[in-house]
C-alpha atoms as a PDB file:
ATOM      1  CA  MET A   1       0.000   0.000   0.000  1.00  0.00           C
ATOM      2  CA  LYS A   2       1.219   3.504  -0.859  1.00  0.00           C
ATOM      3  CA  PHE A   3       0.926   5.965   2.018  1.00  0.00           C
ATOM      4  CA  VAL A   4       1.959   9.415   3.264  1.00  0.00           C
ATOM      5  CA  TYR A   5       3.050  10.039   6.871  1.00  0.00           C
ATOM      6  CA  PHE A   6       2.354  13.223   8.841  1.00  0.00           C
ATOM      7  CA  GLY A   7       4.330  13.693  12.047  1.00  0.00           C
ATOM      8  CA  TYR A   8       7.812  13.493  13.529  1.00  0.00           C
ATOM      9  CA  ASP A   9      10.269  10.900  14.843  1.00  0.00           C
ATOM     10  CA  PHE A  10       7.937   9.762  17.655  1.00  0.00           C
ATOM     11  CA  MET A  11       6.102   7.275  15.409  1.00  0.00           C
ATOM     12  CA  LEU A  12       8.927   6.550  12.995  1.00  0.00           C
ATOM     13  CA  PRO A  13       9.484   2.959  14.258  1.00  0.00           C
ATOM     14  CA  SER A  14       5.969   2.211  13.002  1.00  0.00           C
ATOM     15  CA  ILE A  15       6.807   3.716   9.616  1.00  0.00           C
ATOM     16  CA  HIS A  16       9.914   1.551   9.358  1.00  0.00           C
ATOM     17  CA  ARG A  17       7.827  -1.526  10.232  1.00  0.00           C
ATOM     18  CA  LEU A  18       5.398  -0.707   7.422  1.00  0.00           C
ATOM     19  CA  LEU A  19       8.313  -0.308   5.017  1.00  0.00           C
ATOM     20  CA  ASP A  20       9.689  -3.681   6.132  1.00  0.00           C
ATOM     21  CA  ASP A  21       6.248  -5.156   5.425  1.00  0.00           C
ATOM     22  CA  GLY A  22       6.540  -3.996   1.821  1.00  0.00           C
ATOM     23  CA  HIS A  23       4.390  -0.861   1.894  1.00  0.00           C
ATOM     24  CA  GLU A  24       5.571   2.231   0.018  1.00  0.00           C
ATOM     25  CA  LEU A  25       6.093   5.620   1.673  1.00  0.00           C
ATOM     26  CA  LEU A  26       5.530   8.512  -0.737  1.00  0.00           C
ATOM     27  CA  ALA A  27       6.441  11.471   1.503  1.00  0.00           C
ATOM     28  CA  ILE A  28       6.680  12.750   5.066  1.00  0.00           C
ATOM     29  CA  PHE A  29       5.000  15.945   6.212  1.00  0.00           C
ATOM     30  CA  SER A  30       6.545  17.315   9.394  1.00  0.00           C
ATOM     31  CA  PHE A  31       6.914  20.683  11.108  1.00  0.00           C
ATOM     32  CA  ASP A  32       9.631  22.814  12.676  1.00  0.00           C
ATOM     33  CA  CYS A  33      10.954  20.816  15.657  1.00  0.00           C
ATOM     34  CA  ASP A  34      13.256  21.995  18.438  1.00  0.00           C
ATOM     35  CA  ASN A  35      15.094  18.645  18.297  1.00  0.00           C
ATOM     36  CA  VAL A  36      15.176  18.743  22.090  1.00  0.00           C
ATOM     37  CA  PHE A  37      11.649  17.593  22.943  1.00  0.00           C
ATOM     38  CA  ASN A  38      10.270  16.970  19.437  1.00  0.00           C
ATOM     39  CA  TYR A  39      12.619  15.487  16.850  1.00  0.00           C
ATOM     40  CA  ASN A  40      12.320  15.038  13.096  1.00  0.00           C
ATOM     41  CA  LEU A  41      15.948  14.413  12.137  1.00  0.00           C
ATOM     42  CA  GLU A  42      15.319  10.714  11.523  1.00  0.00           C
ATOM     43  CA  CYS A  43      12.328  11.584   9.370  1.00  0.00           C
ATOM     44  CA  GLN A  44      14.590  13.742   7.239  1.00  0.00           C
ATOM     45  CA  SER A  45      17.167  10.959   6.993  1.00  0.00           C
ATOM     46  CA  THR A  46      14.499   8.452   5.987  1.00  0.00           C
ATOM     47  CA  CYS A  47      13.281  10.719   3.192  1.00  0.00           C
ATOM     48  CA  THR A  48      16.832  11.293   1.987  1.00  0.00           C
ATOM     49  CA  LEU A  49      17.483   7.542   1.924  1.00  0.00           C
ATOM     50  CA  LEU A  50      14.247   6.797   0.071  1.00  0.00           C
ATOM     51  CA  LYS A  51      14.596   9.863  -2.172  1.00  0.00           C
ATOM     52  CA  ILE A  52      11.118  11.096  -1.334  1.00  0.00           C
ATOM     53  CA  PRO A  53       9.885  14.562  -0.284  1.00  0.00           C
ATOM     54  CA  PHE A  54      10.303  15.825   3.275  1.00  0.00           C
ATOM     55  CA  ILE A  55       7.840  18.699   3.652  1.00  0.00           C
ATOM     56  CA  THR A  56       7.555  21.129   6.580  1.00  0.00           C
ATOM     57  CA  ASP A  57       5.073  23.470   4.910  1.00  0.00           C
ATOM     58  CA  LYS A  58       1.559  23.199   6.317  1.00  0.00           C
ATOM     59  CA  VAL A  59      -0.356  20.602   4.302  1.00  0.00           C
ATOM     60  CA  THR A  60      -2.855  21.946   1.770  1.00  0.00           C
ATOM     61  CA  PRO A  61      -5.674  20.387  -0.281  1.00  0.00           C
ATOM     62  CA  GLU A  62      -3.364  20.641  -3.282  1.00  0.00           C
ATOM     63  CA  HIS A  63      -0.783  18.473  -1.497  1.00  0.00           C
ATOM     64  CA  ILE A  64      -3.443  15.866  -0.760  1.00  0.00           C
ATOM     65  CA  GLN A  65      -4.624  15.745  -4.367  1.00  0.00           C
ATOM     66  CA  ASN A  66      -1.089  15.576  -5.739  1.00  0.00           C
ATOM     67  CA  PHE A  67      -0.301  12.488  -3.656  1.00  0.00           C
ATOM     68  CA  ILE A  68      -3.623  10.884  -4.521  1.00  0.00           C
ATOM     69  CA  ASN A  69      -2.633  11.379  -8.173  1.00  0.00           C
ATOM     70  CA  MET A  70       0.626   9.569  -7.328  1.00  0.00           C
ATOM     71  CA  GLY A  71      -1.347   6.600  -6.043  1.00  0.00           C
ATOM     72  CA  ALA A  72      -1.591   7.331  -2.307  1.00  0.00           C
ATOM     73  CA  GLU A  73      -4.060   4.945  -0.681  1.00  0.00           C
ATOM     74  CA  CYS A  74      -3.611   6.042   2.931  1.00  0.00           C
ATOM     75  CA  PHE A  75      -2.765   9.221   4.837  1.00  0.00           C
ATOM     76  CA  LEU A  76      -1.370   8.386   8.285  1.00  0.00           C
ATOM     77  CA  SER A  77      -0.878  10.984  11.017  1.00  0.00           C
ATOM     78  CA  GLY A  78       1.011  10.656  14.293  1.00  0.00           C
ATOM     79  CA  GLY A  79       1.620  13.864  16.248  1.00  0.00           C
ATOM     80  CA  TYR A  80       1.073  16.250  13.332  1.00  0.00           C
ATOM     81  CA  PRO A  81      -0.079  19.620  14.766  1.00  0.00           C
ATOM     82  CA  TYR A  82      -2.045  20.902  11.763  1.00  0.00           C
ATOM     83  CA  LYS A  83      -5.472  19.997  10.482  1.00  0.00           C
ATOM     84  CA  ILE A  84      -5.175  17.673   7.495  1.00  0.00           C
ATOM     85  CA  PRO A  85      -7.601  18.587   4.692  1.00  0.00           C
ATOM     86  CA  PRO A  86     -10.449  16.157   3.960  1.00  0.00           C
ATOM     87  CA  VAL A  87      -9.685  13.257   1.644  1.00  0.00           C
ATOM     88  CA  PRO A  88     -12.100  11.303  -0.583  1.00  0.00           C
ATOM     89  CA  GLU A  89     -13.970   8.433   1.079  1.00  0.00           C
ATOM     90  CA  SER A  90     -12.148   6.005  -1.198  1.00  0.00           C
ATOM     91  CA  ILE A  91      -8.835   6.908   0.536  1.00  0.00           C
ATOM     92  CA  TYR A  92      -7.943   5.752   4.041  1.00  0.00           C
ATOM     93  CA  ALA A  93      -7.081   8.577   6.464  1.00  0.00           C
ATOM     94  CA  MET A  94      -6.270   7.792  10.062  1.00  0.00           C
ATOM     95  CA  ASN A  95      -4.522   9.219  13.105  1.00  0.00           C
ATOM     96  CA  ILE A  96      -2.552   7.687  15.978  1.00  0.00           C
ATOM     97  CA  HIS A  97      -3.507   9.429  19.218  1.00  0.00           C
ATOM     98  CA  PRO A  98      -1.456   8.858  22.417  1.00  0.00           C
ATOM     99  CA  THR A  99      -4.384   8.159  24.757  1.00  0.00           C
ATOM    100  CA  TYR A 100      -7.086   5.542  25.166  1.00  0.00           C
ATOM    101  CA  LEU A 101      -9.898   7.457  23.485  1.00  0.00           C
ATOM    102  CA  PRO A 102     -12.423   8.846  24.105  1.00  0.00           C
ATOM    103  CA  GLU A 103     -10.435   9.929  27.174  1.00  0.00           C
ATOM    104  CA  GLY A 104      -7.670  12.463  26.712  1.00  0.00           C
ATOM    105  CA  ARG A 105      -8.554  14.240  23.512  1.00  0.00           C
ATOM    106  CA  GLY A 106      -6.328  17.210  22.752  1.00  0.00           C
ATOM    107  CA  ILE A 107      -3.032  18.192  21.154  1.00  0.00           C
ATOM    108  CA  MET A 108      -0.675  17.448  24.093  1.00  0.00           C
ATOM    109  CA  PRO A 109      -2.397  15.094  26.551  1.00  0.00           C
ATOM    110  CA  ILE A 110       0.539  13.076  27.904  1.00  0.00           C
ATOM    111  CA  PRO A 111       1.785  15.588  30.540  1.00  0.00           C
ATOM    112  CA  LYS A 112      -1.618  15.645  32.237  1.00  0.00           C
ATOM    113  CA  ILE A 113      -1.796  11.832  32.242  1.00  0.00           C
ATOM    114  CA  ILE A 114       1.652  11.626  33.867  1.00  0.00           C
ATOM    115  CA  LYS A 115       1.123  14.500  36.297  1.00  0.00           C
ATOM    116  CA  GLU A 116      -2.244  13.231  37.543  1.00  0.00           C
ATOM    117  CA  ASN A 117      -1.545   9.499  37.051  1.00  0.00           C
ATOM    118  CA  ILE A 118      -4.714   8.994  34.964  1.00  0.00           C
ATOM    119  CA  LYS A 119      -4.501   5.261  34.334  1.00  0.00           C
ATOM    120  CA  SER A 120      -7.812   5.030  32.483  1.00  0.00           C
ATOM    121  CA  ALA A 121      -6.555   7.371  29.742  1.00  0.00           C
ATOM    122  CA  ALA A 122      -3.156   5.685  29.314  1.00  0.00           C
ATOM    123  CA  GLY A 123      -2.812   4.011  25.926  1.00  0.00           C
ATOM    124  CA  PHE A 124      -2.957   4.824  22.240  1.00  0.00           C
ATOM    125  CA  THR A 125      -5.709   4.772  19.652  1.00  0.00           C
ATOM    126  CA  VAL A 126      -5.722   4.456  15.879  1.00  0.00           C
ATOM    127  CA  HIS A 127      -8.848   6.210  14.611  1.00  0.00           C
ATOM    128  CA  LYS A 128     -10.361   7.550  11.427  1.00  0.00           C
ATOM    129  CA  MET A 129      -9.696  11.207  10.658  1.00  0.00           C
ATOM    130  CA  THR A 130     -12.761  13.419  10.827  1.00  0.00           C
ATOM    131  CA  GLU A 131     -13.466  17.139  10.760  1.00  0.00           C
ATOM    132  CA  LYS A 132     -13.280  17.132  14.569  1.00  0.00           C
ATOM    133  CA  PHE A 133      -9.906  16.350  16.150  1.00  0.00           C
ATOM    134  CA  ASP A 134      -9.604  12.957  17.888  1.00  0.00           C
ATOM    135  CA  ALA A 135     -13.296  12.114  17.403  1.00  0.00           C
ATOM    136  CA  GLY A 136     -13.212   9.559  14.575  1.00  0.00           C
ATOM    137  CA  ASP A 137     -14.260   5.933  14.731  1.00  0.00           C
ATOM    138  CA  ILE A 138     -11.788   3.679  16.543  1.00  0.00           C
ATOM    139  CA  ILE A 139      -9.908   1.254  14.290  1.00  0.00           C
ATOM    140  CA  ALA A 140      -7.724  -0.230  17.036  1.00  0.00           C
ATOM    141  CA  GLN A 141      -6.488   0.757  20.481  1.00  0.00           C
ATOM    142  CA  THR A 142      -4.113  -0.557  23.113  1.00  0.00           C
ATOM    143  CA  LYS A 143      -3.810   0.151  26.830  1.00  0.00           C
ATOM    144  CA  VAL A 144      -0.490   1.303  28.295  1.00  0.00           C
ATOM    145  CA  ALA A 145       0.439   0.278  31.835  1.00  0.00           C
ATOM    146  CA  LEU A 146       1.048   3.522  33.747  1.00  0.00           C
ATOM    147  CA  SER A 147       3.277   3.497  36.816  1.00  0.00           C
ATOM    148  CA  GLU A 148       3.839   6.249  39.361  1.00  0.00           C
ATOM    149  CA  ASN A 149       7.417   6.607  38.108  1.00  0.00           C
ATOM    150  CA  ASP A 150       6.607   7.008  34.415  1.00  0.00           C
ATOM    151  CA  THR A 151       7.883  10.059  32.585  1.00  0.00           C
ATOM    152  CA  VAL A 152       6.660  11.634  29.370  1.00  0.00           C
ATOM    153  CA  GLU A 153       9.578   9.851  27.679  1.00  0.00           C
ATOM    154  CA  SER A 154       8.881   6.387  29.130  1.00  0.00           C
ATOM    155  CA  TYR A 155       5.176   6.714  28.326  1.00  0.00           C
ATOM    156  CA  SER A 156       6.009   7.642  24.728  1.00  0.00           C
ATOM    157  CA  ALA A 157       8.494   4.771  24.545  1.00  0.00           C
ATOM    158  CA  LYS A 158       5.778   2.289  25.512  1.00  0.00           C
ATOM    159  CA  ILE A 159       3.669   3.499  22.604  1.00  0.00           C
ATOM    160  CA  SER A 160       6.682   3.325  20.303  1.00  0.00           C
ATOM    161  CA  VAL A 161       7.252  -0.323  21.299  1.00  0.00           C
ATOM    162  CA  HIS A 162       3.697  -1.511  20.677  1.00  0.00           C
ATOM    163  CA  ALA A 163       2.408   0.688  17.831  1.00  0.00           C
ATOM    164  CA  PRO A 164       4.430  -0.927  14.992  1.00  0.00           C
ATOM    165  CA  SER A 165       2.753  -4.320  15.356  1.00  0.00           C
ATOM    166  CA  VAL A 166      -0.698  -2.734  15.630  1.00  0.00           C
ATOM    167  CA  LEU A 167      -0.201  -0.716  12.449  1.00  0.00           C
ATOM    168  CA  SER A 168       1.312  -3.707  10.686  1.00  0.00           C
ATOM    169  CA  LYS A 169      -1.864  -5.698  11.377  1.00  0.00           C
ATOM    170  CA  ILE A 170      -4.092  -2.844  10.191  1.00  0.00           C
ATOM    171  CA  PHE A 171      -2.154  -2.350   6.954  1.00  0.00           C
ATOM    172  CA  GLY A 172      -2.158  -6.099   6.389  1.00  0.00           C
ATOM    173  CA  ASP A 173      -5.978  -6.273   6.427  1.00  0.00           C
ATOM    174  CA  PHE A 174      -7.019  -2.664   5.958  1.00  0.00           C
ATOM    175  CA  LYS A 175     -10.512  -3.194   4.584  1.00  0.00           C
ATOM    176  CA  ARG A 176     -11.575  -5.415   7.488  1.00  0.00           C
ATOM    177  CA  PHE A 177     -10.185  -3.107  10.159  1.00  0.00           C
ATOM    178  CA  TRP A 178     -11.674  -0.050   8.466  1.00  0.00           C
ATOM    179  CA  ASN A 179     -15.141  -1.571   8.073  1.00  0.00           C
ATOM    180  CA  ASN A 180     -15.164  -2.842  11.660  1.00  0.00           C
ATOM    181  CA  ALA A 181     -14.191   0.510  13.216  1.00  0.00           C
ATOM    182  CA  ARG A 182     -16.498   1.452  16.076  1.00  0.00           C
ATOM    183  CA  PRO A 183     -17.829   4.918  16.932  1.00  0.00           C
ATOM    184  CA  GLN A 184     -16.464   6.624  20.014  1.00  0.00           C
ATOM    185  CA  GLN A 185     -18.691   7.107  23.039  1.00  0.00           C
ATOM    186  CA  HIS A 186     -18.690  10.871  22.817  1.00  0.00           C
ATOM    187  CA  ASN A 187     -20.637  11.260  26.063  1.00  0.00           C
ATOM    188  CA  LYS A 188     -17.653   9.721  27.868  1.00  0.00           C
ATOM    189  CA  SER A 189     -15.008  11.841  26.146  1.00  0.00           C
ATOM    190  CA  THR A 190     -12.621  14.109  28.009  1.00  0.00           C
ATOM    191  CA  TYR A 191     -10.528  16.920  26.558  1.00  0.00           C
ATOM    192  CA  TYR A 192      -7.140  17.938  27.948  1.00  0.00           C
ATOM    193  CA  SER A 193      -6.151  21.514  27.162  1.00  0.00           C
ATOM    194  CA  PRO A 194      -2.548  22.034  26.048  1.00  0.00           C
ATOM    195  CA  PRO A 195      -0.372  22.680  29.123  1.00  0.00           C
ATOM    196  CA  THR A 196       0.539  26.259  29.958  1.00  0.00           C
ATOM    197  CA  ASP A 197       3.764  27.579  31.458  1.00  0.00           C
ATOM    198  CA  ASP A 198       1.967  27.713  34.805  1.00  0.00           C
ATOM    199  CA  ASP A 199       1.375  23.958  34.574  1.00  0.00           C
ATOM    200  CA  ARG A 200       5.131  23.450  34.227  1.00  0.00           C
ATOM    201  CA  VAL A 201       6.123  25.323  37.414  1.00  0.00           C
ATOM    202  CA  LEU A 202       7.678  23.358  40.285  1.00  0.00           C
ATOM    203  CA  HIS A 203       5.913  24.696  43.378  1.00  0.00           C
ATOM    204  CA  TRP A 204       8.256  24.333  46.355  1.00  0.00           C
ATOM    205  CA  GLU A 205       5.430  24.599  48.924  1.00  0.00           C
ATOM    206  CA  MET A 206       4.027  21.321  47.591  1.00  0.00           C
ATOM    207  CA  ASP A 207       5.132  17.848  48.682  1.00  0.00           C
ATOM    208  CA  VAL A 208       8.043  16.122  46.971  1.00  0.00           C
ATOM    209  CA  ASN A 209       5.852  13.603  45.129  1.00  0.00           C
ATOM    210  CA  SER A 210       3.745  16.357  43.556  1.00  0.00           C
ATOM    211  CA  ILE A 211       6.816  18.324  42.479  1.00  0.00           C
ATOM    212  CA  MET A 212       8.404  15.251  40.933  1.00  0.00           C
ATOM    213  CA  ALA A 213       5.158  14.402  39.131  1.00  0.00           C
ATOM    214  CA  THR A 214       5.335  17.778  37.381  1.00  0.00           C
ATOM    215  CA  ALA A 215       8.996  17.230  36.513  1.00  0.00           C
ATOM    216  CA  ARG A 216       8.254  13.747  35.099  1.00  0.00           C
ATOM    217  CA  ALA A 217       5.303  15.086  33.118  1.00  0.00           C
ATOM    218  CA  PHE A 218       7.480  17.466  31.101  1.00  0.00           C
ATOM    219  CA  GLY A 219      10.852  15.701  30.983  1.00  0.00           C
ATOM    220  CA  ARG A 220      13.054  17.004  28.170  1.00  0.00           C
ATOM    221  CA  PHE A 221      10.458  19.652  27.344  1.00  0.00           C
ATOM    222  CA  GLY A 222      11.391  21.216  30.656  1.00  0.00           C
ATOM    223  CA  SER A 223       9.630  22.150  33.862  1.00  0.00           C
ATOM    224  CA  ILE A 224      10.090  25.614  35.366  1.00  0.00           C
ATOM    225  CA  ALA A 225      11.870  26.377  38.640  1.00  0.00           C
ATOM    226  CA  ILE A 226      11.886  29.811  40.253  1.00  0.00           C
ATOM    227  CA  ILE A 227      14.744  30.290  42.723  1.00  0.00           C
ATOM    228  CA  ASN A 228      15.469  33.641  44.365  1.00  0.00           C
ATOM    229  CA  GLY A 229      13.800  35.392  41.456  1.00  0.00           C
ATOM    230  CA  ASP A 230      15.775  33.487  38.807  1.00  0.00           C
ATOM    231  CA  VAL A 231      13.825  31.361  36.326  1.00  0.00           C
ATOM    232  CA  LEU A 232      15.309  27.997  35.335  1.00  0.00           C
ATOM    233  CA  ILE A 233      14.213  25.403  32.820  1.00  0.00           C
ATOM    234  CA  VAL A 234      14.729  22.016  34.459  1.00  0.00           C
ATOM    235  CA  TYR A 235      15.328  18.927  32.324  1.00  0.00           C
ATOM    236  CA  GLU A 236      16.318  16.438  35.013  1.00  0.00           C
ATOM    237  CA  CYS A 237      15.904  16.352  38.774  1.00  0.00           C
ATOM    238  CA  ALA A 238      15.480  14.024  41.748  1.00  0.00           C
ATOM    239  CA  GLY A 239      13.754  14.344  45.087  1.00  0.00           C
ATOM    240  CA  TRP A 240      13.403  12.731  48.462  1.00  0.00           C
ATOM    241  CA  GLN A 241      11.274  13.132  51.554  1.00  0.00           C
ATOM    242  CA  GLU A 242      12.982  14.275  54.756  1.00  0.00           C
ATOM    243  CA  LYS A 243      11.852  16.354  57.706  1.00  0.00           C
ATOM    244  CA  HIS A 244      13.415  19.807  58.001  1.00  0.00           C
ATOM    245  CA  SER A 245      12.674  23.266  59.364  1.00  0.00           C
ATOM    246  CA  LEU A 246      13.621  25.225  56.258  1.00  0.00           C
ATOM    247  CA  GLU A 247      11.279  27.490  54.349  1.00  0.00           C
ATOM    248  CA  PRO A 248      10.116  25.870  51.091  1.00  0.00           C
ATOM    249  CA  SER A 249      12.066  27.355  48.116  1.00  0.00           C
ATOM    250  CA  LYS A 250      15.200  27.796  50.249  1.00  0.00           C
ATOM    251  CA  LEU A 251      18.366  27.206  48.208  1.00  0.00           C
ATOM    252  CA  VAL A 252      20.202  24.735  50.393  1.00  0.00           C
ATOM    253  CA  ASN A 253      23.284  24.113  48.296  1.00  0.00           C
ATOM    254  CA  ALA A 254      24.729  25.066  44.916  1.00  0.00           C
ATOM    255  CA  ALA A 255      27.758  23.090  43.779  1.00  0.00           C
ATOM    256  CA  SER A 256      29.061  21.194  40.751  1.00  0.00           C
ATOM    257  CA  ASN A 257      26.256  22.471  38.531  1.00  0.00           C
ATOM    258  CA  GLU A 258      23.648  21.033  40.883  1.00  0.00           C
ATOM    259  CA  LEU A 259      21.152  22.831  43.100  1.00  0.00           C
ATOM    260  CA  ILE A 260      19.358  21.532  46.189  1.00  0.00           C
ATOM    261  CA  ILE A 261      16.050  23.210  47.022  1.00  0.00           C
ATOM    262  CA  ALA A 262      13.908  22.730  50.115  1.00  0.00           C
ATOM    263  CA  ALA A 263      10.372  21.550  49.446  1.00  0.00           C
ATOM    264  CA  LYS A 264       7.455  21.181  51.857  1.00  0.00           C
ATOM    265  CA  ASN A 265       8.454  17.732  53.096  1.00  0.00           C
ATOM    266  CA  GLY A 266      11.914  17.142  51.661  1.00  0.00           C
ATOM    267  CA  TYR A 267      14.394  18.247  49.040  1.00  0.00           C
ATOM    268  CA  ILE A 268      14.627  18.536  45.264  1.00  0.00           C
ATOM    269  CA  LEU A 269      17.960  18.115  43.488  1.00  0.00           C
ATOM    270  CA  LEU A 270      18.175  19.929  40.150  1.00  0.00           C
ATOM    271  CA  LYS A 271      20.654  17.970  38.036  1.00  0.00           C
ATOM    272  CA  ARG A 272      20.267  19.412  34.545  1.00  0.00           C
ATOM    273  CA  PHE A 273      18.889  22.879  33.902  1.00  0.00           C
ATOM    274  CA  GLU A 274      19.492  26.211  32.263  1.00  0.00           C
ATOM    275  CA  GLU A 275      18.692  29.765  33.297  1.00  0.00           C
ATOM    276  CA  ILE A 276      16.355  31.900  31.234  1.00  0.00           C
ATOM    277  CA  GLN A 277      18.072  35.179  30.529  1.00  0.00           C
ATOM    278  CA  SER A 278      15.799  38.188  31.108  1.00  0.00           C
END
């Protein structure tokens, strides 16, 4: 089957599995990535190797028609931030969403799942594209086991491990999977708004577990620490509970590029961070 992929490196293992199965990739549509939290370098390398287009312009109806003229039978999205124009009913168009729909609709749901340990929403869903984001009929979905120590990276890795085989099965018997797709229970849907900078702040007056949950929820994207008026982006930290009489937010120690901050019921060790210059 000839297909076009919309997204970034997150779902690329699934694309490679489809290529190994004998399917033909016609192009990759991506977007400007920071290559710190979102990467698309491997997507670029794949397109270079296959000698196919790598496109970061926002997809247009003209793009869709051009690839249909080239024989595209499926448009597959995984983490693409733009609305993909409608395609004819004779063409398969589906999206991979990183939650167990109908829970967790929205453009960046994983941080909330990690931060609040929402086990019922943990998973991924392959669904038909519709005019409304994340609302299409469910083609296949898989639960992800969520632990209290999961990070945004480990959660994503679990999807990356299991998605290739799911997509391989769908592409191997597309008509059956497509015809057997089931409507979502929209009355049970939840929507997670994209996180704000306020959601990323490490609040020192909170307990250690709550602070670490925020840090794990944003991982390489970075949580925000405010220390003596300085604003830091934190990429890695650790914490432990211990009784003390210090005021929360007190800078306890600064040495060897590490900072120790007092929290409500313990300490937070900032191991990798950078200061935002005002």
